[in-house]
Amino acid sequence: MRVTVRHAFTIPGFSPKPGFCRDGTRQLCERLGFDWSDAVRNGIDADALEATGDGFALALVKWARECEAKERVDG
């Protein structure tokens, strides 16, 4: 599964408005060793994000999986 910037920009619970800000998402990618441009174009593999053990990355993968499950139901 690919985690996309759409997931990052819509994740709830980290500020009054849903989503990580663009700069914060870019910094997270860079801090975790992912190429920002590639992440914007192609997303990041959920397993690679989970392998970092980073709390923000884990929350983002969880949110992306919830979104994917909801899309399957709403279809």
Protein backbone atom coordinates (compact mmCIF):
# COMPACT_ATOMS: atom_id res chain seq x y z
CA MET A 1 0.00 0.00 0.00
CA ARG A 2 1.21 3.51 -0.81
CA VAL A 3 0.83 6.34 1.68
CA THR A 4 0.33 9.61 -0.17
CA VAL A 5 0.50 13.29 0.63
CA ARG A 6 -3.30 13.26 0.48
CA HIS A 7 -3.20 11.06 3.57
CA ALA A 8 -0.72 13.41 5.26
CA PHE A 9 -2.80 16.47 4.44
CA THR A 10 -6.01 14.93 5.83
CA ILE A 11 -4.88 13.01 8.94
CA PRO A 12 -6.96 14.09 11.94
CA GLY A 13 -5.91 14.75 15.49
CA PHE A 14 -2.60 16.57 15.28
CA SER A 15 -3.87 20.15 15.23
CA PRO A 16 -7.20 22.00 15.28
CA LYS A 17 -7.49 21.47 11.52
CA PRO A 18 -7.00 18.03 9.95
CA GLY A 19 -3.70 17.25 8.30
CA PHE A 20 0.00 17.84 8.61
CA CYS A 21 1.15 21.10 7.03
CA ARG A 22 3.13 20.90 3.80
CA ASP A 23 6.40 22.02 5.41
CA GLY A 24 5.96 19.57 8.28
CA THR A 25 5.27 16.72 5.88
CA ARG A 26 8.36 17.62 3.85
CA GLN A 27 10.48 17.75 7.01
CA LEU A 28 9.12 14.39 8.16
CA CYS A 29 10.07 12.81 4.82
CA GLU A 30 13.54 14.28 4.94
CA ARG A 31 14.06 13.33 8.60
CA LEU A 32 13.07 9.74 7.84
CA GLY A 33 15.26 9.56 4.72
CA PHE A 34 12.55 9.65 2.04
CA ASP A 35 12.82 11.79 -1.07
CA TRP A 36 10.15 14.49 -0.89
CA SER A 37 9.68 14.85 -4.66
CA ASP A 38 9.27 11.10 -5.07
CA ALA A 39 6.85 10.96 -2.13
CA VAL A 40 4.70 13.68 -3.72
CA ARG A 41 4.65 11.89 -7.08
CA ASN A 42 4.43 8.26 -5.98
CA GLY A 43 3.70 8.05 -2.27
CA ILE A 44 5.74 5.96 0.15
CA ASP A 45 5.35 2.26 0.80
CA ALA A 46 3.52 1.73 4.10
CA ASP A 47 5.94 -1.01 5.16
CA ALA A 48 8.90 1.36 4.69
CA LEU A 49 7.21 4.00 6.82
CA GLU A 50 6.38 1.46 9.53
CA ALA A 51 9.96 0.21 9.53
CA THR A 52 11.12 3.64 10.72
CA GLY A 53 9.27 3.18 14.02
CA ASP A 54 8.54 6.91 14.02
CA GLY A 55 5.31 7.84 15.81
CA PHE A 56 4.15 10.26 13.12
CA ALA A 57 4.91 7.72 10.39
CA LEU A 58 3.02 4.99 12.25
CA ALA A 59 0.01 7.26 12.73
CA LEU A 60 0.11 8.20 9.05
CA VAL A 61 0.13 4.55 7.95
CA LYS A 62 -2.77 3.81 10.30
CA TRP A 63 -4.74 6.72 8.82
CA ALA A 64 -3.95 5.65 5.24
CA ARG A 65 -5.22 2.13 6.00
CA GLU A 66 -8.40 3.55 7.52
CA CYS A 67 -8.93 5.67 4.39
CA GLU A 68 -8.36 2.69 2.13
CA ALA A 69 -10.82 0.54 4.12
CA LYS A 70 -13.44 3.30 3.99
CA GLU A 71 -12.97 3.69 0.22
CA ARG A 72 -13.55 -0.06 -0.24
CA VAL A 73 -16.79 0.14 1.76
CA ASP A 74 -18.01 3.34 0.12
CA GLY A 75 -16.71 2.11 -3.21
